[in-house]
Amino acid sequence: KKPLPREHSERLYELSRVIDAVGRAYHGNAERATLFLTRSHPLLNGQSPLDLARSSSAGADAVLNLLRRAEAGVAL
């Protein structure tokens, strides 16, 4: 019944932002979203978006930026 430490709370928030953005990008298709999150991506230095997002706030931002670029029509 203790509150989460600030670091954990912030990490969960960042991860939830990524998962929400991926869900929107794949129009709620859970299978495609899961594949995107779990496969390595060349524009993320070969890391999976999920692993990178879990590693740090900067990692989560990198995944969100990749999704924004895709949404804007930038070739990935």
C-alpha atoms as a PDB file:
ATOM      1  CA  LYS A   1       0.000   0.000   0.000  1.00  0.00           C
ATOM      2  CA  LYS A   2       2.991   2.282  -0.401  1.00  0.00           C
ATOM      3  CA  PRO A   3       3.103   4.741  -3.260  1.00  0.00           C
ATOM      4  CA  LEU A   4       5.468   3.930  -6.097  1.00  0.00           C
ATOM      5  CA  PRO A   5       8.833   5.619  -5.997  1.00  0.00           C
ATOM      6  CA  ARG A   6       8.960   8.611  -8.324  1.00  0.00           C
ATOM      7  CA  GLU A   7      11.374   6.886 -10.737  1.00  0.00           C
ATOM      8  CA  HIS A   8       9.060   3.884 -11.158  1.00  0.00           C
ATOM      9  CA  SER A   9       6.048   6.102 -11.568  1.00  0.00           C
ATOM     10  CA  GLU A  10       7.768   8.152 -14.271  1.00  0.00           C
ATOM     11  CA  ARG A  11       8.946   5.024 -16.084  1.00  0.00           C
ATOM     12  CA  LEU A  12       5.421   3.576 -16.109  1.00  0.00           C
ATOM     13  CA  TYR A  13       4.074   6.864 -17.420  1.00  0.00           C
ATOM     14  CA  GLU A  14       6.594   6.934 -20.281  1.00  0.00           C
ATOM     15  CA  LEU A  15       5.897   3.310 -21.148  1.00  0.00           C
ATOM     16  CA  SER A  16       2.146   3.923 -21.151  1.00  0.00           C
ATOM     17  CA  ARG A  17       2.635   6.858 -23.552  1.00  0.00           C
ATOM     18  CA  VAL A  18       4.514   4.568 -25.949  1.00  0.00           C
ATOM     19  CA  ILE A  19       1.939   1.782 -25.747  1.00  0.00           C
ATOM     20  CA  ASP A  20      -0.884   4.269 -26.302  1.00  0.00           C
ATOM     21  CA  ALA A  21       0.870   5.792 -29.330  1.00  0.00           C
ATOM     22  CA  VAL A  22       1.558   2.363 -30.836  1.00  0.00           C
ATOM     23  CA  GLY A  23      -2.074   1.391 -30.344  1.00  0.00           C
ATOM     24  CA  ARG A  24      -3.185   4.511 -32.190  1.00  0.00           C
ATOM     25  CA  ALA A  25      -0.623   4.005 -34.959  1.00  0.00           C
ATOM     26  CA  TYR A  26      -1.891   0.481 -35.565  1.00  0.00           C
ATOM     27  CA  HIS A  27      -5.557   1.468 -35.154  1.00  0.00           C
ATOM     28  CA  GLY A  28      -6.076  -0.864 -32.203  1.00  0.00           C
ATOM     29  CA  ASN A  29      -4.708  -3.949 -33.983  1.00  0.00           C
ATOM     30  CA  ALA A  30      -3.097  -5.635 -30.975  1.00  0.00           C
ATOM     31  CA  GLU A  31      -1.251  -8.256 -33.028  1.00  0.00           C
ATOM     32  CA  ARG A  32       0.469  -5.703 -35.270  1.00  0.00           C
ATOM     33  CA  ALA A  33       1.190  -3.397 -32.327  1.00  0.00           C
ATOM     34  CA  THR A  34       2.765  -6.269 -30.398  1.00  0.00           C
ATOM     35  CA  LEU A  35       4.940  -7.185 -33.373  1.00  0.00           C
ATOM     36  CA  PHE A  36       6.128  -3.594 -33.680  1.00  0.00           C
ATOM     37  CA  LEU A  37       6.890  -3.362 -29.971  1.00  0.00           C
ATOM     38  CA  THR A  38       8.784  -6.637 -29.714  1.00  0.00           C
ATOM     39  CA  ARG A  39      10.829  -6.804 -32.928  1.00  0.00           C
ATOM     40  CA  SER A  40      14.178  -5.111 -33.260  1.00  0.00           C
ATOM     41  CA  HIS A  41      14.071  -1.948 -35.346  1.00  0.00           C
ATOM     42  CA  PRO A  42      16.994  -0.674 -37.440  1.00  0.00           C
ATOM     43  CA  LEU A  43      16.226   2.977 -36.667  1.00  0.00           C
ATOM     44  CA  LEU A  44      16.422   2.196 -32.964  1.00  0.00           C
ATOM     45  CA  ASN A  45      19.920   0.740 -33.206  1.00  0.00           C
ATOM     46  CA  GLY A  46      18.513  -2.756 -33.516  1.00  0.00           C
ATOM     47  CA  GLN A  47      16.640  -2.609 -30.220  1.00  0.00           C
ATOM     48  CA  SER A  48      12.990  -3.425 -29.905  1.00  0.00           C
ATOM     49  CA  PRO A  49      10.792  -0.398 -29.236  1.00  0.00           C
ATOM     50  CA  LEU A  50       9.538  -1.984 -26.010  1.00  0.00           C
ATOM     51  CA  ASP A  51      13.031  -2.616 -24.651  1.00  0.00           C
ATOM     52  CA  LEU A  52      14.171   0.865 -25.583  1.00  0.00           C
ATOM     53  CA  ALA A  53      11.082   2.482 -24.054  1.00  0.00           C
ATOM     54  CA  ARG A  54      11.571   0.516 -20.836  1.00  0.00           C
ATOM     55  CA  SER A  55      15.228   1.469 -20.576  1.00  0.00           C
ATOM     56  CA  SER A  56      14.790   5.222 -20.014  1.00  0.00           C
ATOM     57  CA  SER A  57      12.725   8.307 -20.685  1.00  0.00           C
ATOM     58  CA  ALA A  58      15.070   9.109 -23.564  1.00  0.00           C
ATOM     59  CA  GLY A  59      14.388   5.655 -24.992  1.00  0.00           C
ATOM     60  CA  ALA A  60      10.646   6.205 -24.757  1.00  0.00           C
ATOM     61  CA  ASP A  61      11.075   9.565 -26.484  1.00  0.00           C
ATOM     62  CA  ALA A  62      13.051   7.912 -29.298  1.00  0.00           C
ATOM     63  CA  VAL A  63      10.206   5.460 -29.909  1.00  0.00           C
ATOM     64  CA  LEU A  64       7.611   8.242 -29.815  1.00  0.00           C
ATOM     65  CA  ASN A  65       9.665  10.284 -32.290  1.00  0.00           C
ATOM     66  CA  LEU A  66       9.854   7.289 -34.622  1.00  0.00           C
ATOM     67  CA  LEU A  67       6.073   6.926 -34.467  1.00  0.00           C
ATOM     68  CA  ARG A  68       5.573  10.653 -35.103  1.00  0.00           C
ATOM     69  CA  ARG A  69       7.813  10.458 -38.156  1.00  0.00           C
ATOM     70  CA  ALA A  70       5.858   7.490 -39.467  1.00  0.00           C
ATOM     71  CA  GLU A  71       2.588   9.331 -38.890  1.00  0.00           C
ATOM     72  CA  ALA A  72       3.942  12.352 -40.773  1.00  0.00           C
ATOM     73  CA  GLY A  73       4.766  10.128 -43.719  1.00  0.00           C
ATOM     74  CA  VAL A  74       8.538  10.139 -43.343  1.00  0.00           C
ATOM     75  CA  ALA A  75       9.963   6.964 -44.843  1.00  0.00           C
ATOM     76  CA  LEU A  76      11.126   4.558 -42.187  1.00  0.00           C
END
